Amino acid sequence: MSMARQAPAAIRVNGEVRALTAGGLSDLLRDLEIDPDARGLALALNGAVVRRADWDRVALKDGDSLEIVKLFAGG
């Protein structure tokens, strides 16, 4: 009897594949050293914008795709 080795859970963040180590969006931002309370930050999970009020409640799962957008002023 052979046991198939399962690949570790992974997500795509801004186009880069990363191991899934965080449970939710806010946790992932902290892992990436991004302050979840910072202004000018937007998240889209699997193509849908996630309201900031939901960041603590949204769980990540294997295969998810997350886009993190940081806005900044410039001239």
C-alpha atoms as a PDB file:
ATOM      1  CA  MET A   1       0.000   0.000   0.000  1.00  0.00           C
ATOM      2  CA  SER A   2       1.560   3.305  -1.035  1.00  0.00           C
ATOM      3  CA  MET A   3       0.716   6.604   0.543  1.00  0.00           C
ATOM      4  CA  ALA A   4       0.488   9.563  -1.804  1.00  0.00           C
ATOM      5  CA  ARG A   5       2.227  12.644  -0.508  1.00  0.00           C
ATOM      6  CA  GLN A   6      -0.067  15.652  -0.445  1.00  0.00           C
ATOM      7  CA  ALA A   7       1.311  18.981  -1.572  1.00  0.00           C
ATOM      8  CA  PRO A   8       1.203  21.672   1.108  1.00  0.00           C
ATOM      9  CA  ALA A   9      -1.712  24.071   0.901  1.00  0.00           C
ATOM     10  CA  ALA A  10      -0.870  27.109  -1.195  1.00  0.00           C
ATOM     11  CA  ILE A  11      -2.406  30.394  -2.266  1.00  0.00           C
ATOM     12  CA  ARG A  12      -1.440  32.958  -4.869  1.00  0.00           C
ATOM     13  CA  VAL A  13      -0.683  36.470  -3.545  1.00  0.00           C
ATOM     14  CA  ASN A  14      -0.260  39.159  -6.196  1.00  0.00           C
ATOM     15  CA  GLY A  15       0.644  36.456  -8.686  1.00  0.00           C
ATOM     16  CA  GLU A  16       3.189  34.629  -6.492  1.00  0.00           C
ATOM     17  CA  VAL A  17       2.495  31.192  -5.063  1.00  0.00           C
ATOM     18  CA  ARG A  18       2.958  31.061  -1.284  1.00  0.00           C
ATOM     19  CA  ALA A  19       2.511  28.335   1.278  1.00  0.00           C
ATOM     20  CA  LEU A  20      -0.722  28.817   3.172  1.00  0.00           C
ATOM     21  CA  THR A  21       0.392  29.452   6.744  1.00  0.00           C
ATOM     22  CA  ALA A  22      -2.184  32.011   7.855  1.00  0.00           C
ATOM     23  CA  GLY A  23      -5.777  31.285   8.757  1.00  0.00           C
ATOM     24  CA  GLY A  24      -7.357  34.491   7.563  1.00  0.00           C
ATOM     25  CA  LEU A  25      -6.783  37.683   5.627  1.00  0.00           C
ATOM     26  CA  SER A  26      -5.659  39.817   8.579  1.00  0.00           C
ATOM     27  CA  ASP A  27      -3.256  37.075   9.697  1.00  0.00           C
ATOM     28  CA  LEU A  28      -1.771  36.864   6.218  1.00  0.00           C
ATOM     29  CA  LEU A  29      -1.259  40.623   6.051  1.00  0.00           C
ATOM     30  CA  ARG A  30       0.621  40.508   9.354  1.00  0.00           C
ATOM     31  CA  ASP A  31       2.737  37.597   8.059  1.00  0.00           C
ATOM     32  CA  LEU A  32       3.599  39.794   5.063  1.00  0.00           C
ATOM     33  CA  GLU A  33       4.471  42.654   7.448  1.00  0.00           C
ATOM     34  CA  ILE A  34       1.545  44.740   6.220  1.00  0.00           C
ATOM     35  CA  ASP A  35      -0.477  46.561   8.869  1.00  0.00           C
ATOM     36  CA  PRO A  36      -4.130  45.524   8.349  1.00  0.00           C
ATOM     37  CA  ASP A  37      -5.199  48.859   9.864  1.00  0.00           C
ATOM     38  CA  ALA A  38      -3.192  50.904   7.348  1.00  0.00           C
ATOM     39  CA  ARG A  39      -5.127  53.328   5.195  1.00  0.00           C
ATOM     40  CA  GLY A  40      -5.147  52.945   1.424  1.00  0.00           C
ATOM     41  CA  LEU A  41      -5.210  49.154   1.414  1.00  0.00           C
ATOM     42  CA  ALA A  42      -7.621  47.032  -0.639  1.00  0.00           C
ATOM     43  CA  LEU A  43      -7.961  43.249  -0.983  1.00  0.00           C
ATOM     44  CA  ALA A  44      -9.570  41.131  -3.684  1.00  0.00           C
ATOM     45  CA  LEU A  45      -9.998  37.423  -2.990  1.00  0.00           C
ATOM     46  CA  ASN A  46     -10.678  35.232  -6.026  1.00  0.00           C
ATOM     47  CA  GLY A  47     -11.622  38.321  -8.018  1.00  0.00           C
ATOM     48  CA  ALA A  48     -14.050  39.816  -5.492  1.00  0.00           C
ATOM     49  CA  VAL A  49     -13.260  42.851  -3.342  1.00  0.00           C
ATOM     50  CA  VAL A  50     -13.388  42.023   0.370  1.00  0.00           C
ATOM     51  CA  ARG A  51     -14.750  44.712   2.671  1.00  0.00           C
ATOM     52  CA  ARG A  52     -12.287  45.742   5.369  1.00  0.00           C
ATOM     53  CA  ALA A  53     -14.910  44.920   8.006  1.00  0.00           C
ATOM     54  CA  ASP A  54     -14.730  41.270   6.849  1.00  0.00           C
ATOM     55  CA  TRP A  55     -10.936  40.823   6.831  1.00  0.00           C
ATOM     56  CA  ASP A  56     -10.902  39.211  10.288  1.00  0.00           C
ATOM     57  CA  ARG A  57     -13.700  36.798   9.344  1.00  0.00           C
ATOM     58  CA  VAL A  58     -12.603  35.616   5.905  1.00  0.00           C
ATOM     59  CA  ALA A  59     -10.660  32.342   6.026  1.00  0.00           C
ATOM     60  CA  LEU A  60      -8.153  31.423   3.338  1.00  0.00           C
ATOM     61  CA  LYS A  61      -8.156  28.017   1.684  1.00  0.00           C
ATOM     62  CA  ASP A  62      -5.911  26.059  -0.645  1.00  0.00           C
ATOM     63  CA  GLY A  63      -5.974  27.473  -4.179  1.00  0.00           C
ATOM     64  CA  ASP A  64      -7.234  30.951  -3.269  1.00  0.00           C
ATOM     65  CA  SER A  65      -5.929  33.936  -5.216  1.00  0.00           C
ATOM     66  CA  LEU A  66      -5.456  37.230  -3.381  1.00  0.00           C
ATOM     67  CA  GLU A  67      -4.583  40.622  -4.808  1.00  0.00           C
ATOM     68  CA  ILE A  68      -3.299  43.225  -2.371  1.00  0.00           C
ATOM     69  CA  VAL A  69      -3.419  46.820  -3.559  1.00  0.00           C
ATOM     70  CA  LYS A  70      -1.691  49.618  -1.657  1.00  0.00           C
ATOM     71  CA  LEU A  71      -2.641  53.138  -2.660  1.00  0.00           C
ATOM     72  CA  PHE A  72      -0.222  55.990  -2.240  1.00  0.00           C
ATOM     73  CA  ALA A  73      -0.129  59.649  -3.131  1.00  0.00           C
ATOM     74  CA  GLY A  74       2.531  60.974  -5.400  1.00  0.00           C
ATOM     75  CA  GLY A  75       3.270  63.712  -7.779  1.00  0.00           C
END
